[in-house]
Amino acid sequence: MSATGKGRLTILLHAGMHKTGTTSIQRALSEAELRMKDGLCGYLRMDSTNFSGAYVTLFRLDAIEHMSNWLHGRTASDVAARKAYLTHLFATRMTAATEDTAKTALLISAEALSSPMDREALSRFRDVLLPWAREIQVQAYVRAPISFMESHFLQRLKGVSKGALDPSVLWPRYRDRFERLDQVFGANAVHLARYDPARFPNGDVVQDVLHRLGIKATAMDLTAPRRENRGLMLETAALLYTMRRSAQFDRKNPDTMLCSRALASAMSPFGSRRLRFAPALVEPVLASGSDDLRWMEKRLGAPIADAGTGDGIRGAADLLAIAAASRDLLNQIDDTTLPALQGMPLTLQRLHNLLDEGLAA
């Protein structure tokens, strides 16, 4: 399928992948004036700088099951109403971008575009874009497997999963993510780069993506790297893991998840050690995923393999022991750092009880 259409705009899709500085990119570029060689570049902002939630609701058939909907308790009729609202908003935004003759390009950022599922949703999205597009170009970053799994595990502890320490679940699934982008938009239109902050200008992924997209930004501070979505430190991750692995933790209960996410946010500044996985934990999945990794390295044209850390986490027992030794961090939480959610006192008490009962010993 060609990534060219009959419209006026060059549409630039920033497709993540997950855990590659996407939040920093979205917040910075949505607030800046963006300029290409031949004109201005708009930024598609729906009700968020991240188009992922809108993309899921508009184009995935299982939208009601997605976190952006079920976490807010939306029913099927709620999701249908939201889809109608987003459909109208999308058309309004696209029309405005097309009618603004100073704009020659439009940037849309959504890590969900490289989620390893639902190729048909991506095809539906492409078909909706083509009438507006002169061409569609896709840019995405690829993160090394162990580094990705470590960051993905921390994100799951902040998100809506049980946060299982299972490398087979955390594996990046490279081919599932990126081959479908090639199939839907054409490999020549999909540009991949290794996520390597050490090689970015000033260590900043925002500056790097601007360079790769051929965009100049004004009204934006480029003097220092930014990090909008700070990962959890090891000690906090261990405490949250202890809570989430409990049989009392019901991830299908929206109130439980809201309290857990709020607690993770309040505790994010705590701790001093970075989470790393030991070779013993990751070597089995590196072996089973070797074909997937080889495919990714061939497609990228560069090696991305990394290695575990000798003193890293070997399994659940290590995390539970660290939680037991880190429980004093809970004393740093007070009413000024937590939202007034009805279930929050019970959430904290359950975590204290788990530690008291020695389940983290």
Protein backbone atom coordinates (compact mmCIF):
# COMPACT_ATOMS: atom_id res chain seq x y z
CA MET A 1 0.00 0.00 0.00
CA SER A 2 1.32 3.42 -0.97
CA ALA A 3 1.64 6.09 1.74
CA THR A 4 0.64 8.82 -0.74
CA GLY A 5 -2.80 10.36 -1.05
CA LYS A 6 -4.66 13.16 -2.81
CA GLY A 7 -4.53 15.72 -0.03
CA ARG A 8 -2.30 18.74 0.52
CA LEU A 9 -0.43 17.90 3.73
CA THR A 10 2.65 15.86 4.48
CA ILE A 11 1.49 13.88 7.52
CA LEU A 12 4.26 12.91 9.91
CA LEU A 13 3.41 10.06 12.28
CA HIS A 14 5.56 9.71 15.37
CA ALA A 15 4.85 6.13 16.43
CA GLY A 16 6.83 5.66 19.64
CA MET A 17 7.76 2.88 20.34
CA HIS A 18 6.67 2.76 23.96
CA LYS A 19 9.32 3.79 26.51
CA THR A 20 11.32 5.98 24.12
CA GLY A 21 10.68 9.49 25.47
CA THR A 22 7.29 9.83 23.81
CA THR A 23 5.74 11.96 26.56
CA SER A 24 8.61 14.44 26.38
CA ILE A 25 8.26 14.67 22.61
CA GLN A 26 4.51 15.19 22.77
CA ARG A 27 4.57 17.88 25.42
CA ALA A 28 7.43 19.81 23.88
CA LEU A 29 6.32 19.75 20.25
CA SER A 30 2.66 20.43 20.97
CA GLU A 31 3.65 23.77 22.55
CA ALA A 32 6.21 24.91 19.96
CA GLU A 33 5.96 26.54 16.57
CA LEU A 34 7.20 23.94 14.11
CA ARG A 35 8.59 24.84 10.72
CA MET A 36 9.57 22.71 7.74
CA LYS A 37 11.61 23.88 4.76
CA ASP A 38 8.46 24.68 2.78
CA GLY A 39 6.14 25.97 5.50
CA LEU A 40 4.76 25.47 8.98
CA CYS A 41 4.10 22.08 10.54
CA GLY A 42 0.99 21.78 12.69
CA TYR A 43 0.58 19.45 15.65
CA LEU A 44 -2.64 17.45 15.93
CA ARG A 45 -3.93 17.90 19.45
CA MET A 46 -7.24 16.30 20.29
CA ASP A 47 -8.17 16.34 24.00
CA SER A 48 -4.59 15.33 24.75
CA THR A 49 -1.13 15.88 23.29
CA ASN A 50 -0.98 12.09 22.95
CA PHE A 51 -3.18 10.85 20.10
CA SER A 52 -3.09 7.27 21.42
CA GLY A 53 -6.36 7.41 23.38
CA ALA A 54 -8.21 8.94 20.43
CA TYR A 55 -6.62 6.42 18.04
CA VAL A 56 -7.76 3.47 20.14
CA THR A 57 -11.33 4.77 20.51
CA LEU A 58 -11.66 5.71 16.85
CA PHE A 59 -10.05 2.75 15.14
CA ARG A 60 -9.82 -0.30 17.41
CA LEU A 61 -12.84 -2.59 17.66
CA ASP A 62 -12.00 -3.45 21.29
CA ALA A 63 -11.86 0.18 22.39
CA ILE A 64 -14.11 -0.38 25.41
CA GLU A 65 -11.47 -2.70 26.89
CA HIS A 66 -8.66 -0.17 26.59
CA MET A 67 -7.33 1.56 29.71
CA SER A 68 -8.34 5.00 28.43
CA ASN A 69 -11.98 3.90 28.56
CA TRP A 70 -12.50 1.20 31.19
CA LEU A 71 -10.41 2.96 33.82
CA HIS A 72 -12.93 5.80 33.65
CA GLY A 73 -15.85 3.37 33.94
CA ARG A 74 -17.15 4.07 30.44
CA THR A 75 -19.96 1.84 29.20
CA ALA A 76 -20.50 0.79 25.60
CA SER A 77 -22.82 3.75 25.08
CA ASP A 78 -20.25 6.07 26.69
CA VAL A 79 -17.56 4.81 24.32
CA ALA A 80 -19.89 5.20 21.34
CA ALA A 81 -20.64 8.79 22.38
CA ARG A 82 -16.94 9.49 22.85
CA LYS A 83 -16.18 8.01 19.43
CA ALA A 84 -18.76 10.34 17.86
CA TYR A 85 -17.24 13.32 19.67
CA LEU A 86 -13.69 12.39 18.63
CA THR A 87 -14.78 11.76 15.03
CA HIS A 88 -16.17 15.29 14.84
CA LEU A 89 -13.15 16.77 16.59
CA PHE A 90 -10.74 14.92 14.29
CA ALA A 91 -12.52 16.17 11.18
CA THR A 92 -12.56 19.71 12.56
CA ARG A 93 -8.84 19.67 13.37
CA MET A 94 -7.89 18.13 10.01
CA THR A 95 -10.04 20.62 8.09
CA ALA A 96 -8.44 23.52 9.97
CA ALA A 97 -4.95 22.22 9.22
CA THR A 98 -5.75 21.79 5.53
CA GLU A 99 -7.31 25.24 5.19
CA ASP A 100 -4.33 26.92 6.85
CA THR A 101 -2.27 27.58 3.74
CA ALA A 102 0.80 28.44 5.84
CA LYS A 103 0.93 24.79 6.94
CA THR A 104 2.43 22.19 4.65
CA ALA A 105 2.74 19.37 7.21
CA LEU A 106 0.97 17.96 10.24
CA LEU A 107 2.57 15.94 13.05
CA ILE A 108 0.59 13.26 14.89
CA SER A 109 2.20 11.51 17.87
CA ALA A 110 0.87 8.25 19.30
CA GLU A 111 2.91 5.36 20.66
CA ALA A 112 -0.20 3.19 20.21
CA LEU A 113 0.58 3.17 16.48
CA SER A 114 3.43 0.74 17.22
CA SER A 115 1.50 -1.34 19.73
CA PRO A 116 1.94 -5.03 18.80
CA MET A 117 -1.72 -5.69 18.03
CA ASP A 118 -4.60 -4.97 15.67
CA ARG A 119 -3.13 -4.35 12.22
CA GLU A 120 -6.62 -3.63 10.91
CA ALA A 121 -6.94 -0.58 13.18
CA LEU A 122 -3.74 0.80 11.65
CA SER A 123 -5.12 0.20 8.16
CA ARG A 124 -8.36 1.99 9.05
CA PHE A 125 -6.36 4.94 10.37
CA ARG A 126 -4.30 5.12 7.17
CA ASP A 127 -7.45 5.07 5.03
CA VAL A 128 -8.93 7.96 7.02
CA LEU A 129 -5.70 9.97 6.68
CA LEU A 130 -5.14 9.50 2.94
CA PRO A 131 -7.76 12.00 1.70
CA TRP A 132 -5.98 14.69 3.72
CA ALA A 133 -2.44 13.61 2.88
CA ARG A 134 -0.04 14.30 0.07
CA GLU A 135 2.18 11.70 1.70
CA ILE A 136 2.50 9.93 5.05
CA GLN A 137 5.88 9.42 6.70
CA VAL A 138 6.40 7.41 9.89
CA GLN A 139 9.19 7.90 12.46
CA ALA A 140 9.74 5.53 15.39
CA TYR A 141 12.46 4.67 17.88
CA VAL A 142 13.56 1.14 18.75
CA ARG A 143 14.75 0.41 22.28
CA ALA A 144 17.16 -2.39 23.21
CA PRO A 145 15.39 -5.45 24.63
CA ILE A 146 16.55 -5.59 28.25
CA SER A 147 16.41 -1.84 28.68
CA PHE A 148 12.89 -1.91 27.25
CA MET A 149 11.78 -4.75 29.52
CA GLU A 150 13.09 -2.99 32.62
CA SER A 151 11.30 0.22 31.73
CA HIS A 152 8.17 -1.62 30.62
CA PHE A 153 8.00 -3.48 33.94
CA LEU A 154 8.14 -0.17 35.83
CA GLN A 155 5.47 1.32 33.60
CA ARG A 156 3.18 -1.64 34.22
CA LEU A 157 3.54 -1.05 37.96
CA LYS A 158 2.29 2.50 37.34
CA GLY A 159 -0.41 1.37 34.91
CA VAL A 160 -3.30 -1.06 34.99
CA SER A 161 -1.63 -4.48 34.98
CA LYS A 162 -0.78 -6.77 37.86
CA GLY A 163 2.86 -5.93 37.20
CA ALA A 164 3.99 -9.54 36.88
CA LEU A 165 7.76 -10.05 36.78
CA ASP A 166 7.60 -12.21 33.66
CA PRO A 167 10.16 -11.40 30.94
CA SER A 168 8.15 -13.36 28.36
CA VAL A 169 5.30 -10.86 28.86
CA LEU A 170 7.68 -7.89 28.87
CA TRP A 171 9.48 -8.85 25.63
CA PRO A 172 9.20 -6.02 23.05
CA ARG A 173 7.71 -8.17 20.26
CA TYR A 174 9.62 -6.18 17.66
CA ARG A 175 8.30 -7.82 14.53
CA ASP A 176 4.69 -7.53 15.68
CA ARG A 177 5.25 -3.81 16.30
CA PHE A 178 7.15 -2.74 13.24
CA GLU A 179 6.43 -5.14 10.40
CA ARG A 180 2.80 -4.04 10.30
CA LEU A 181 3.90 -0.41 10.00
CA ASP A 182 5.91 -1.46 6.93
CA GLN A 183 2.93 -3.39 5.56
CA VAL A 184 0.41 -0.59 6.06
CA PHE A 185 2.48 2.47 5.10
CA GLY A 186 5.27 0.91 3.00
CA ALA A 187 8.78 0.20 4.30
CA ASN A 188 10.20 3.21 2.42
CA ALA A 189 7.91 5.50 4.43
CA VAL A 190 8.78 3.99 7.82
CA HIS A 191 11.97 5.38 9.36
CA LEU A 192 13.38 3.62 12.42
CA ALA A 193 16.20 4.72 14.72
CA ARG A 194 17.77 3.19 17.80
CA TYR A 195 16.72 4.85 21.04
CA ASP A 196 20.10 5.82 22.43
CA PRO A 197 20.11 9.06 24.49
CA ALA A 198 23.91 8.98 24.63
CA ARG A 199 23.91 9.74 20.90
CA PHE A 200 21.18 12.40 20.95
CA PRO A 201 22.00 16.13 20.83
CA ASN A 202 22.49 17.15 24.46
CA GLY A 203 21.06 13.75 25.40
CA ASP A 204 17.63 15.03 24.35
CA VAL A 205 15.20 12.87 22.37
CA VAL A 206 13.16 15.97 21.46
CA GLN A 207 16.10 17.53 19.64
CA ASP A 208 16.85 14.21 17.95
CA VAL A 209 13.33 13.70 16.63
CA LEU A 210 13.20 17.27 15.34
CA HIS A 211 16.37 16.59 13.36
CA ARG A 212 15.04 13.31 11.99
CA LEU A 213 11.74 14.85 10.92
CA GLY A 214 13.38 17.88 9.35
CA ILE A 215 11.61 20.31 11.68
CA LYS A 216 12.88 23.51 13.29
CA ALA A 217 11.15 24.57 16.50
CA THR A 218 10.75 28.04 17.94
CA ALA A 219 9.38 29.16 21.32
CA MET A 220 10.90 26.06 22.89
CA ASP A 221 13.86 25.71 25.25
CA LEU A 222 16.41 23.39 23.66
CA THR A 223 19.19 24.09 26.14
CA ALA A 224 18.60 21.16 28.47
CA PRO A 225 17.34 17.59 28.16
CA ARG A 226 13.89 16.91 29.52
CA ARG A 227 12.33 13.87 31.11
CA GLU A 228 8.58 14.14 31.54
CA ASN A 229 7.68 10.58 32.49
CA ARG A 230 10.08 9.76 35.33
CA GLY A 231 10.48 6.05 36.00
CA LEU A 232 10.13 4.51 39.42
CA MET A 233 13.22 3.77 41.46
CA LEU A 234 13.91 0.20 42.59
CA GLU A 235 12.71 0.61 46.19
CA THR A 236 9.37 2.10 45.17
CA ALA A 237 8.93 -0.49 42.43
CA ALA A 238 9.46 -3.26 44.99
CA LEU A 239 6.77 -1.84 47.28
CA LEU A 240 4.26 -1.50 44.44
CA TYR A 241 5.11 -4.98 43.22
CA THR A 242 4.40 -6.37 46.68
CA MET A 243 0.97 -4.77 46.66
CA ARG A 244 0.05 -5.74 43.11
CA ARG A 245 1.01 -9.39 43.39
CA SER A 246 -1.37 -9.85 46.33
CA ALA A 247 -4.59 -11.80 45.81
CA GLN A 248 -6.38 -8.79 47.34
CA PHE A 249 -5.37 -6.61 44.40
CA ASP A 250 -8.21 -6.45 41.87
CA ARG A 251 -6.95 -4.88 38.66
CA LYS A 252 -10.45 -5.05 37.15
CA ASN A 253 -11.77 -2.65 39.76
CA PRO A 254 -11.40 0.94 38.47
CA ASP A 255 -11.31 2.38 42.01
CA THR A 256 -8.49 0.02 42.99
CA MET A 257 -6.52 0.99 39.91
CA LEU A 258 -7.04 4.72 40.42
CA CYS A 259 -5.71 4.43 43.98
CA SER A 260 -2.77 2.30 42.89
CA ARG A 261 -1.83 4.73 40.11
CA ALA A 262 -2.11 7.68 42.50
CA LEU A 263 0.11 5.89 45.01
CA ALA A 264 2.70 5.17 42.32
CA SER A 265 2.70 8.84 41.33
CA ALA A 266 3.09 10.00 44.95
CA MET A 267 5.99 7.61 45.51
CA SER A 268 7.80 8.30 42.24
CA PRO A 269 10.35 10.69 43.83
CA PHE A 270 11.29 8.10 46.48
CA GLY A 271 14.22 5.69 46.36
CA SER A 272 17.81 5.92 45.13
CA ARG A 273 18.57 2.76 43.13
CA ARG A 274 17.72 1.99 39.53
CA LEU A 275 16.01 -1.27 38.67
CA ARG A 276 18.14 -3.62 36.62
CA PHE A 277 17.53 -7.20 35.56
CA ALA A 278 20.14 -9.88 36.18
CA PRO A 279 21.28 -12.21 33.38
CA ALA A 280 19.58 -15.17 35.05
CA LEU A 281 16.20 -13.45 34.72
CA VAL A 282 16.48 -12.41 31.07
CA GLU A 283 18.62 -15.07 29.41
CA PRO A 284 15.70 -17.48 28.78
CA VAL A 285 13.62 -14.83 26.99
CA LEU A 286 16.66 -13.61 25.05
CA ALA A 287 17.03 -17.15 23.76
CA SER A 288 13.37 -17.58 22.88
CA GLY A 289 13.24 -14.11 21.31
CA SER A 290 16.47 -14.42 19.32
CA ASP A 291 14.72 -14.70 15.95
CA ASP A 292 12.62 -11.63 16.74
CA LEU A 293 15.73 -9.69 17.76
CA ARG A 294 17.60 -10.73 14.61
CA TRP A 295 14.66 -9.56 12.50
CA MET A 296 14.69 -6.19 14.27
CA GLU A 297 18.44 -5.70 13.89
CA LYS A 298 18.24 -6.55 10.19
CA ARG A 299 15.33 -4.14 9.67
CA LEU A 300 17.07 -1.41 11.67
CA GLY A 301 20.44 -2.04 10.06
CA ALA A 302 22.23 -1.91 13.41
CA PRO A 303 22.71 -4.09 16.52
CA ILE A 304 20.56 -3.31 19.55
CA ALA A 305 21.26 -6.24 21.87
CA ASP A 306 22.11 -5.36 25.48
CA ALA A 307 22.94 -7.43 28.56
CA GLY A 308 21.69 -7.99 32.08
CA THR A 309 23.45 -6.57 35.14
CA GLY A 310 25.32 -8.90 37.48
CA ASP A 311 23.80 -7.45 40.66
CA GLY A 312 20.35 -6.96 39.13
CA ILE A 313 17.00 -8.50 40.07
CA ARG A 314 16.96 -12.27 39.66
CA GLY A 315 13.31 -12.84 40.50
CA ALA A 316 10.35 -12.07 42.75
CA ALA A 317 12.20 -12.95 45.95
CA ASP A 318 14.70 -10.14 45.36
CA LEU A 319 11.93 -7.58 44.90
CA LEU A 320 10.05 -8.74 47.99
CA ALA A 321 13.19 -8.54 50.11
CA ILE A 322 13.87 -5.00 48.88
CA ALA A 323 10.27 -4.03 49.69
CA ALA A 324 10.65 -5.29 53.24
CA ALA A 325 13.82 -3.25 53.66
CA SER A 326 12.23 -0.13 52.12
CA ARG A 327 8.96 0.15 54.02
CA ASP A 328 10.12 3.32 55.79
CA LEU A 329 9.55 5.10 52.50
CA LEU A 330 5.82 4.79 53.17
CA ASN A 331 6.25 7.17 56.09
CA GLN A 332 7.10 9.92 53.60
CA ILE A 333 3.57 9.81 52.19
CA ASP A 334 1.10 12.28 53.64
CA ASP A 335 -2.15 13.99 52.74
CA THR A 336 -0.33 16.64 50.71
CA THR A 337 1.10 14.07 48.29
CA LEU A 338 -1.98 11.86 47.81
CA PRO A 339 -5.31 12.76 46.20
CA ALA A 340 -8.41 12.35 48.38
CA LEU A 341 -9.63 9.10 46.84
CA GLN A 342 -12.11 7.08 48.85
CA GLY A 343 -10.15 3.85 48.67
CA MET A 344 -6.70 5.31 49.35
CA PRO A 345 -6.56 4.67 53.13
CA LEU A 346 -7.48 1.01 52.53
CA THR A 347 -4.88 0.71 49.75
CA LEU A 348 -2.13 1.95 52.06
CA GLN A 349 -3.31 -0.21 54.95
CA ARG A 350 -3.29 -3.32 52.80
CA LEU A 351 0.29 -2.64 51.77
CA HIS A 352 1.31 -2.17 55.42
CA ASN A 353 -0.47 -5.41 56.30
CA LEU A 354 1.35 -7.34 53.58
CA LEU A 355 4.68 -6.11 54.91
CA ASP A 356 3.65 -6.86 58.52
CA GLU A 357 2.64 -10.38 57.57
CA GLY A 358 6.09 -11.03 56.17
CA LEU A 359 4.93 -11.55 52.58
CA ALA A 360 7.81 -9.38 51.51
CA ALA A 361 10.38 -11.16 53.61
